[in-house]
PDB file of N, CA and C in Angstrom:
ATOM      1  N   UNK A   1     -53.060-148.032  37.134  1.00  0.00           N
ATOM      2  CA  UNK A   1     -52.148-147.349  38.026  1.00  0.00           C
ATOM      3  C   UNK A   1     -52.774-146.077  38.603  1.00  0.00           C
ATOM      4  N   UNK A   2     -53.589-145.423  37.814  1.00  0.00           N
ATOM      5  CA  UNK A   2     -54.212-144.180  38.269  1.00  0.00           C
ATOM      6  C   UNK A   2     -55.170-144.441  39.436  1.00  0.00           C
ATOM      7  N   UNK A   3     -55.640-145.678  39.578  1.00  0.00           N
ATOM      8  CA  UNK A   3     -56.541-146.029  40.674  1.00  0.00           C
ATOM      9  C   UNK A   3     -55.880-145.838  42.033  1.00  0.00           C
ATOM     10  N   UNK A   4     -54.560-145.879  42.080  1.00  0.00           N
ATOM     11  CA  UNK A   4     -53.835-145.684  43.342  1.00  0.00           C
ATOM     12  C   UNK A   4     -54.118-144.316  43.955  1.00  0.00           C
ATOM     13  N   UNK A   5     -54.527-143.355  43.127  1.00  0.00           N
ATOM     14  CA  UNK A   5     -54.775-141.999  43.612  1.00  0.00           C
ATOM     15  C   UNK A   5     -56.076-141.874  44.398  1.00  0.00           C
ATOM     16  N   UNK A   6     -56.883-142.929  44.418  1.00  0.00           N
ATOM     17  CA  UNK A   6     -58.133-142.866  45.174  1.00  0.00           C
ATOM     18  C   UNK A   6     -57.886-143.014  46.674  1.00  0.00           C
ATOM     19  N   UNK A   7     -56.707-143.469  47.060  1.00  0.00           N
ATOM     20  CA  UNK A   7     -56.372-143.637  48.475  1.00  0.00           C
ATOM     21  C   UNK A   7     -55.929-142.334  49.121  1.00  0.00           C
ATOM     22  N   UNK A   8     -55.582-142.406  50.393  1.00  0.00           N
ATOM     23  CA  UNK A   8     -55.229-141.193  51.137  1.00  0.00           C
ATOM     24  C   UNK A   8     -53.805-140.677  50.891  1.00  0.00           C
ATOM     25  N   UNK A   9     -52.938-141.489  50.313  1.00  0.00           N
ATOM     26  CA  UNK A   9     -51.529-141.126  50.164  1.00  0.00           C
ATOM     27  C   UNK A   9     -51.269-140.425  48.842  1.00  0.00           C
ATOM     28  N   UNK A  10     -51.709-139.164  48.776  1.00  0.00           N
ATOM     29  CA  UNK A  10     -51.520-138.385  47.554  1.00  0.00           C
ATOM     30  C   UNK A  10     -51.536-136.905  47.884  1.00  0.00           C
ATOM     31  N   UNK A  11     -50.973-136.131  46.971  1.00  0.00           N
ATOM     32  CA  UNK A  11     -51.116-134.681  47.007  1.00  0.00           C
ATOM     33  C   UNK A  11     -51.512-134.252  45.603  1.00  0.00           C
ATOM     34  N   UNK A  12     -52.319-133.199  45.536  1.00  0.00           N
ATOM     35  CA  UNK A  12     -52.838-132.726  44.256  1.00  0.00           C
ATOM     36  C   UNK A  12     -52.461-131.263  44.079  1.00  0.00           C
ATOM     37  N   UNK A  13     -51.980-130.927  42.895  1.00  0.00           N
ATOM     38  CA  UNK A  13     -51.623-129.553  42.598  1.00  0.00           C
ATOM     39  C   UNK A  13     -50.123-129.359  42.503  1.00  0.00           C
ATOM     40  N   UNK A  14     -49.724-128.322  41.776  1.00  0.00           N
ATOM     41  CA  UNK A  14     -48.311-128.098  41.472  1.00  0.00           C
ATOM     42  C   UNK A  14     -47.476-127.791  42.714  1.00  0.00           C
ATOM     43  N   UNK A  15     -47.969-126.911  43.585  1.00  0.00           N
ATOM     44  CA  UNK A  15     -47.181-126.525  44.758  1.00  0.00           C
ATOM     45  C   UNK A  15     -46.953-127.704  45.694  1.00  0.00           C
ATOM     46  N   UNK A  16     -48.015-128.455  45.962  1.00  0.00           N
ATOM     47  CA  UNK A  16     -47.877-129.603  46.856  1.00  0.00           C
ATOM     48  C   UNK A  16     -47.041-130.709  46.217  1.00  0.00           C
ATOM     49  N   UNK A  17     -47.181-130.877  44.902  1.00  0.00           N
ATOM     50  CA  UNK A  17     -46.391-131.884  44.196  1.00  0.00           C
ATOM     51  C   UNK A  17     -44.902-131.542  44.273  1.00  0.00           C
ATOM     52  N   UNK A  18     -44.588-130.273  44.057  1.00  0.00           N
ATOM     53  CA  UNK A  18     -43.191-129.827  44.131  1.00  0.00           C
ATOM     54  C   UNK A  18     -42.617-130.078  45.519  1.00  0.00           C
ATOM     55  N   UNK A  19     -43.399-129.770  46.543  1.00  0.00           N
ATOM     56  CA  UNK A  19     -42.963-129.970  47.928  1.00  0.00           C
ATOM     57  C   UNK A  19     -42.736-131.460  48.214  1.00  0.00           C
ATOM     58  N   UNK A  20     -43.647-132.313  47.756  1.00  0.00           N
ATOM     59  CA  UNK A  20     -43.502-133.758  47.978  1.00  0.00           C
ATOM     60  C   UNK A  20     -42.271-134.307  47.269  1.00  0.00           C
ATOM     61  N   UNK A  21     -42.002-133.820  46.055  1.00  0.00           N
ATOM     62  CA  UNK A  21     -40.809-134.253  45.328  1.00  0.00           C
ATOM     63  C   UNK A  21     -39.542-133.835  46.065  1.00  0.00           C
ATOM     64  N   UNK A  22     -39.508-132.590  46.508  1.00  0.00           N
ATOM     65  CA  UNK A  22     -38.304-132.083  47.189  1.00  0.00           C
ATOM     66  C   UNK A  22     -38.083-132.731  48.556  1.00  0.00           C
ATOM     67  N   UNK A  23     -39.188-133.103  49.234  1.00  0.00           N
ATOM     68  CA  UNK A  23     -39.083-133.727  50.556  1.00  0.00           C
ATOM     69  C   UNK A  23     -38.763-135.211  50.486  1.00  0.00           C
ATOM     70  N   UNK A  24     -38.776-135.779  49.271  1.00  0.00           N
ATOM     71  CA  UNK A  24     -38.491-137.199  49.112  1.00  0.00           C
ATOM     72  C   UNK A  24     -39.675-138.094  49.443  1.00  0.00           C
ATOM     73  N   UNK A  25     -40.884-137.530  49.500  1.00  0.00           N
ATOM     74  CA  UNK A  25     -42.077-138.320  49.822  1.00  0.00           C
ATOM     75  C   UNK A  25     -42.746-138.889  48.579  1.00  0.00           C
ATOM     76  N   UNK A  26     -42.361-138.437  47.392  1.00  0.00           N
ATOM     77  CA  UNK A  26     -43.030-138.826  46.152  1.00  0.00           C
ATOM     78  C   UNK A  26     -42.654-140.240  45.716  1.00  0.00           C
ATOM     79  N   UNK A  27     -43.668-141.002  45.340  1.00  0.00           N
ATOM     80  CA  UNK A  27     -43.474-142.347  44.806  1.00  0.00           C
ATOM     81  C   UNK A  27     -43.660-142.336  43.289  1.00  0.00           C
ATOM     82  N   UNK A  28     -44.638-141.550  42.805  1.00  0.00           N
ATOM     83  CA  UNK A  28     -44.920-141.442  41.373  1.00  0.00           C
ATOM     84  C   UNK A  28     -45.600-140.108  41.104  1.00  0.00           C
ATOM     85  N   UNK A  29     -45.235-139.484  39.991  1.00  0.00           N
ATOM     86  CA  UNK A  29     -45.853-138.235  39.550  1.00  0.00           C
ATOM     87  C   UNK A  29     -46.823-138.540  38.417  1.00  0.00           C
ATOM     88  N   UNK A  30     -48.050-138.052  38.539  1.00  0.00           N
ATOM     89  CA  UNK A  30     -49.051-138.170  37.483  1.00  0.00           C
ATOM     90  C   UNK A  30     -49.248-136.787  36.879  1.00  0.00           C
ATOM     91  N   UNK A  31     -49.255-136.699  35.553  1.00  0.00           N
ATOM     92  CA  UNK A  31     -49.446-135.404  34.903  1.00  0.00           C
ATOM     93  C   UNK A  31     -50.502-135.516  33.805  1.00  0.00           C
ATOM     94  N   UNK A  32     -51.320-134.480  33.689  1.00  0.00           N
ATOM     95  CA  UNK A  32     -52.351-134.444  32.661  1.00  0.00           C
ATOM     96  C   UNK A  32     -51.746-133.916  31.367  1.00  0.00           C
ATOM     97  N   UNK A  33     -52.019-134.606  30.274  1.00  0.00           N
ATOM     98  CA  UNK A  33     -51.443-134.230  28.987  1.00  0.00           C
ATOM     99  C   UNK A  33     -51.990-132.907  28.451  1.00  0.00           C
ATOM    100  N   UNK A  34     -53.166-132.490  28.918  1.00  0.00           N
ATOM    101  CA  UNK A  34     -53.737-131.232  28.427  1.00  0.00           C
ATOM    102  C   UNK A  34     -53.425-130.049  29.348  1.00  0.00           C
ATOM    103  N   UNK A  35     -52.550-130.251  30.317  1.00  0.00           N
ATOM    104  CA  UNK A  35     -52.146-129.160  31.216  1.00  0.00           C
ATOM    105  C   UNK A  35     -51.074-128.301  30.553  1.00  0.00           C
ATOM    106  N   UNK A  36     -50.877-127.119  31.086  1.00  0.00           N
ATOM    107  CA  UNK A  36     -49.900-126.165  30.556  1.00  0.00           C
ATOM    108  C   UNK A  36     -48.480-126.732  30.674  1.00  0.00           C
ATOM    109  N   UNK A  37     -47.776-126.889  29.569  1.00  0.00           N
ATOM    110  CA  UNK A  37     -46.405-127.427  29.611  1.00  0.00           C
ATOM    111  C   UNK A  37     -45.458-126.604  30.484  1.00  0.00           C
ATOM    112  N   UNK A  38     -45.696-125.293  30.590  1.00  0.00           N
ATOM    113  CA  UNK A  38     -44.835-124.449  31.435  1.00  0.00           C
ATOM    114  C   UNK A  38     -44.980-124.816  32.911  1.00  0.00           C
ATOM    115  N   UNK A  39     -46.126-125.345  33.288  1.00  0.00           N
ATOM    116  CA  UNK A  39     -46.358-125.797  34.651  1.00  0.00           C
ATOM    117  C   UNK A  39     -45.745-127.180  34.860  1.00  0.00           C
ATOM    118  N   UNK A  40     -45.896-128.037  33.865  1.00  0.00           N
ATOM    119  CA  UNK A  40     -45.466-129.430  33.994  1.00  0.00           C
ATOM    120  C   UNK A  40     -43.956-129.613  33.908  1.00  0.00           C
ATOM    121  N   UNK A  41     -43.306-128.869  33.035  1.00  0.00           N
ATOM    122  CA  UNK A  41     -41.889-129.106  32.740  1.00  0.00           C
ATOM    123  C   UNK A  41     -40.990-129.100  33.977  1.00  0.00           C
ATOM    124  N   UNK A  42     -41.077-128.096  34.855  1.00  0.00           N
ATOM    125  CA  UNK A  42     -40.190-128.125  36.028  1.00  0.00           C
ATOM    126  C   UNK A  42     -40.486-129.287  36.971  1.00  0.00           C
ATOM    127  N   UNK A  43     -41.751-129.683  37.061  1.00  0.00           N
ATOM    128  CA  UNK A  43     -42.103-130.797  37.936  1.00  0.00           C
ATOM    129  C   UNK A  43     -41.597-132.119  37.376  1.00  0.00           C
ATOM    130  N   UNK A  44     -41.725-132.292  36.075  1.00  0.00           N
ATOM    131  CA  UNK A  44     -41.219-133.511  35.438  1.00  0.00           C
ATOM    132  C   UNK A  44     -39.700-133.567  35.578  1.00  0.00           C
ATOM    133  N   UNK A  45     -39.039-132.442  35.397  1.00  0.00           N
ATOM    134  CA  UNK A  45     -37.580-132.404  35.545  1.00  0.00           C
ATOM    135  C   UNK A  45     -37.163-132.773  36.965  1.00  0.00           C
ATOM    136  N   UNK A  46     -37.873-132.253  37.945  1.00  0.00           N
ATOM    137  CA  UNK A  46     -37.593-132.580  39.355  1.00  0.00           C
ATOM    138  C   UNK A  46     -37.796-134.071  39.600  1.00  0.00           C
ATOM    139  N   UNK A  47     -38.864-134.636  39.039  1.00  0.00           N
ATOM    140  CA  UNK A  47     -39.122-136.068  39.198  1.00  0.00           C
ATOM    141  C   UNK A  47     -38.010-136.900  38.569  1.00  0.00           C
ATOM    142  N   UNK A  48     -37.569-136.514  37.374  1.00  0.00           N
ATOM    143  CA  UNK A  48     -36.491-137.237  36.697  1.00  0.00           C
ATOM    144  C   UNK A  48     -35.205-137.150  37.522  1.00  0.00           C
ATOM    145  N   UNK A  49     -34.896-135.971  38.027  1.00  0.00           N
ATOM    146  CA  UNK A  49     -33.691-135.789  38.836  1.00  0.00           C
ATOM    147  C   UNK A  49     -33.706-136.650  40.091  1.00  0.00           C
ATOM    148  N   UNK A  50     -34.892-136.864  40.639  1.00  0.00           N
ATOM    149  CA  UNK A  50     -35.021-137.641  41.869  1.00  0.00           C
ATOM    150  C   UNK A  50     -35.420-139.091  41.614  1.00  0.00           C
ATOM    151  N   UNK A  51     -35.394-139.485  40.348  1.00  0.00           N
ATOM    152  CA  UNK A  51     -35.694-140.853  39.915  1.00  0.00           C
ATOM    153  C   UNK A  51     -37.081-141.307  40.356  1.00  0.00           C
ATOM    154  N   UNK A  52     -38.048-140.407  40.243  1.00  0.00           N
ATOM    155  CA  UNK A  52     -39.447-140.716  40.529  1.00  0.00           C
ATOM    156  C   UNK A  52     -40.134-140.989  39.189  1.00  0.00           C
ATOM    157  N   UNK A  53     -40.812-142.129  39.053  1.00  0.00           N
ATOM    158  CA  UNK A  53     -41.493-142.427  37.792  1.00  0.00           C
ATOM    159  C   UNK A  53     -42.585-141.401  37.475  1.00  0.00           C
ATOM    160  N   UNK A  54     -42.773-141.136  36.191  1.00  0.00           N
ATOM    161  CA  UNK A  54     -43.790-140.182  35.731  1.00  0.00           C
ATOM    162  C   UNK A  54     -44.801-140.930  34.877  1.00  0.00           C
ATOM    163  N   UNK A  55     -46.084-140.741  35.197  1.00  0.00           N
ATOM    164  CA  UNK A  55     -47.164-141.351  34.416  1.00  0.00           C
ATOM    165  C   UNK A  55     -47.998-140.248  33.790  1.00  0.00           C
ATOM    166  N   UNK A  56     -48.493-140.516  32.596  1.00  0.00           N
ATOM    167  CA  UNK A  56     -49.309-139.539  31.887  1.00  0.00           C
ATOM    168  C   UNK A  56     -50.776-139.949  31.939  1.00  0.00           C
ATOM    169  N   UNK A  57     -51.631-138.947  32.121  1.00  0.00           N
ATOM    170  CA  UNK A  57     -53.080-139.131  32.125  1.00  0.00           C
ATOM    171  C   UNK A  57     -53.626-138.254  30.999  1.00  0.00           C
ATOM    172  N   UNK A  58     -54.654-138.716  30.330  1.00  0.00           N
ATOM    173  CA  UNK A  58     -55.173-138.016  29.150  1.00  0.00           C
ATOM    174  C   UNK A  58     -55.594-136.584  29.421  1.00  0.00           C
ATOM    175  N   UNK A  59     -56.424-136.388  30.450  1.00  0.00           N
ATOM    176  CA  UNK A  59     -56.982-135.056  30.676  1.00  0.00           C
ATOM    177  C   UNK A  59     -56.899-134.649  32.146  1.00  0.00           C
ATOM    178  N   UNK A  60     -56.973-133.354  32.361  1.00  0.00           N
ATOM    179  CA  UNK A  60     -57.010-132.817  33.724  1.00  0.00           C
ATOM    180  C   UNK A  60     -58.276-133.297  34.439  1.00  0.00           C
ATOM    181  N   UNK A  61     -59.373-133.369  33.707  1.00  0.00           N
ATOM    182  CA  UNK A  61     -60.643-133.821  34.288  1.00  0.00           C
ATOM    183  C   UNK A  61     -60.516-135.257  34.796  1.00  0.00           C
ATOM    184  N   UNK A  62     -59.891-136.117  33.997  1.00  0.00           N
ATOM    185  CA  UNK A  62     -59.696-137.518  34.388  1.00  0.00           C
ATOM    186  C   UNK A  62     -58.804-137.622  35.617  1.00  0.00           C
ATOM    187  N   UNK A  63     -57.744-136.843  35.669  1.00  0.00           N
ATOM    188  CA  UNK A  63     -56.835-136.874  36.808  1.00  0.00           C
ATOM    189  C   UNK A  63     -57.534-136.362  38.066  1.00  0.00           C
ATOM    190  N   UNK A  64     -58.288-135.282  37.940  1.00  0.00           N
ATOM    191  CA  UNK A  64     -59.034-134.766  39.080  1.00  0.00           C
ATOM    192  C   UNK A  64     -60.031-135.782  39.612  1.00  0.00           C
ATOM    193  N   UNK A  65     -60.745-136.457  38.715  1.00  0.00           N
ATOM    194  CA  UNK A  65     -61.710-137.472  39.121  1.00  0.00           C
ATOM    195  C   UNK A  65     -61.020-138.637  39.836  1.00  0.00           C
ATOM    196  N   UNK A  66     -59.856-139.040  39.344  1.00  0.00           N
ATOM    197  CA  UNK A  66     -59.110-140.132  39.978  1.00  0.00           C
ATOM    198  C   UNK A  66     -58.667-139.764  41.393  1.00  0.00           C
ATOM    199  N   UNK A  67     -58.442-138.467  41.608  1.00  0.00           N
ATOM    200  CA  UNK A  67     -58.026-137.982  42.925  1.00  0.00           C
ATOM    201  C   UNK A  67     -59.219-137.720  43.848  1.00  0.00           C
ATOM    202  N   UNK A  68     -60.427-137.840  43.302  1.00  0.00           N
ATOM    203  CA  UNK A  68     -61.622-137.628  44.104  1.00  0.00           C
ATOM    204  C   UNK A  68     -61.985-136.171  44.304  1.00  0.00           C
ATOM    205  N   UNK A  69     -61.582-135.311  43.366  1.00  0.00           N
ATOM    206  CA  UNK A  69     -61.951-133.897  43.451  1.00  0.00           C
ATOM    207  C   UNK A  69     -62.866-133.541  42.289  1.00  0.00           C
ATOM    208  N   UNK A  70     -63.657-132.502  42.469  1.00  0.00           N
ATOM    209  CA  UNK A  70     -64.684-132.143  41.488  1.00  0.00           C
ATOM    210  C   UNK A  70     -64.154-131.303  40.332  1.00  0.00           C
ATOM    211  N   UNK A  71     -62.899-130.897  40.397  1.00  0.00           N
ATOM    212  CA  UNK A  71     -62.306-130.074  39.349  1.00  0.00           C
ATOM    213  C   UNK A  71     -61.125-130.816  38.730  1.00  0.00           C
ATOM    214  N   UNK A  72     -60.636-130.316  37.619  1.00  0.00           N
ATOM    215  CA  UNK A  72     -59.484-130.926  36.973  1.00  0.00           C
ATOM    216  C   UNK A  72     -58.208-130.683  37.761  1.00  0.00           C
ATOM    217  N   UNK A  73     -57.236-131.544  37.546  1.00  0.00           N
ATOM    218  CA  UNK A  73     -55.939-131.403  38.198  1.00  0.00           C
ATOM    219  C   UNK A  73     -54.841-131.566  37.152  1.00  0.00           C
ATOM    220  N   UNK A  74     -53.866-130.665  37.168  1.00  0.00           N
ATOM    221  CA  UNK A  74     -52.753-130.755  36.223  1.00  0.00           C
ATOM    222  C   UNK A  74     -51.769-131.831  36.645  1.00  0.00           C
ATOM    223  N   UNK A  75     -51.509-131.905  37.955  1.00  0.00           N
ATOM    224  CA  UNK A  75     -50.555-132.890  38.481  1.00  0.00           C
ATOM    225  C   UNK A  75     -51.044-133.444  39.814  1.00  0.00           C
ATOM    226  N   UNK A  76     -50.584-134.646  40.085  1.00  0.00           N
ATOM    227  CA  UNK A  76     -50.822-135.275  41.376  1.00  0.00           C
ATOM    228  C   UNK A  76     -49.626-136.167  41.668  1.00  0.00           C
ATOM    229  N   UNK A  77     -49.356-136.365  42.940  1.00  0.00           N
ATOM    230  CA  UNK A  77     -48.232-137.198  43.349  1.00  0.00           C
ATOM    231  C   UNK A  77     -48.723-138.255  44.321  1.00  0.00           C
ATOM    232  N   UNK A  78     -48.382-139.481  44.048  1.00  0.00           N
ATOM    233  CA  UNK A  78     -48.615-140.566  44.974  1.00  0.00           C
ATOM    234  C   UNK A  78     -47.471-140.525  45.986  1.00  0.00           C
ATOM    235  N   UNK A  79     -47.797-140.490  47.279  1.00  0.00           N
ATOM    236  CA  UNK A  79     -46.772-140.341  48.302  1.00  0.00           C
ATOM    237  C   UNK A  79     -46.583-141.638  49.086  1.00  0.00           C
ATOM    238  N   UNK A  80     -45.482-141.694  49.829  1.00  0.00           N
ATOM    239  CA  UNK A  80     -45.196-142.832  50.678  1.00  0.00           C
ATOM    240  C   UNK A  80     -46.208-142.894  51.810  1.00  0.00           C
ATOM    241  N   UNK A  81     -46.491-144.099  52.254  1.00  0.00           N
ATOM    242  CA  UNK A  81     -47.434-144.275  53.372  1.00  0.00           C
ATOM    243  C   UNK A  81     -46.821-143.735  54.652  1.00  0.00           C
ATOM    244  N   UNK A  82     -47.721-143.269  55.512  1.00  0.00           N
ATOM    245  CA  UNK A  82     -47.242-142.799  56.815  1.00  0.00           C
ATOM    246  C   UNK A  82     -47.122-141.377  56.864  1.00  0.00           C
TER     247      UNK A  82
END
């Protein structure tokens, strides 16, 4: 499932993820298990409230690599096409 993040329909980072969730563009939220829980908790709650599935990834490094960036990522959101 994490392979879906290699495509163009994604946003990476907490601010962009929050915006995508609130705008209704989010299809799935990916979160790194080693990220700060204080950062993740409000985003996971927003995803649950909006009935967006949440997937867990082992590390920030793994999530960043799946998104095609050279640094770790705490969260990423798969967005709707278009």
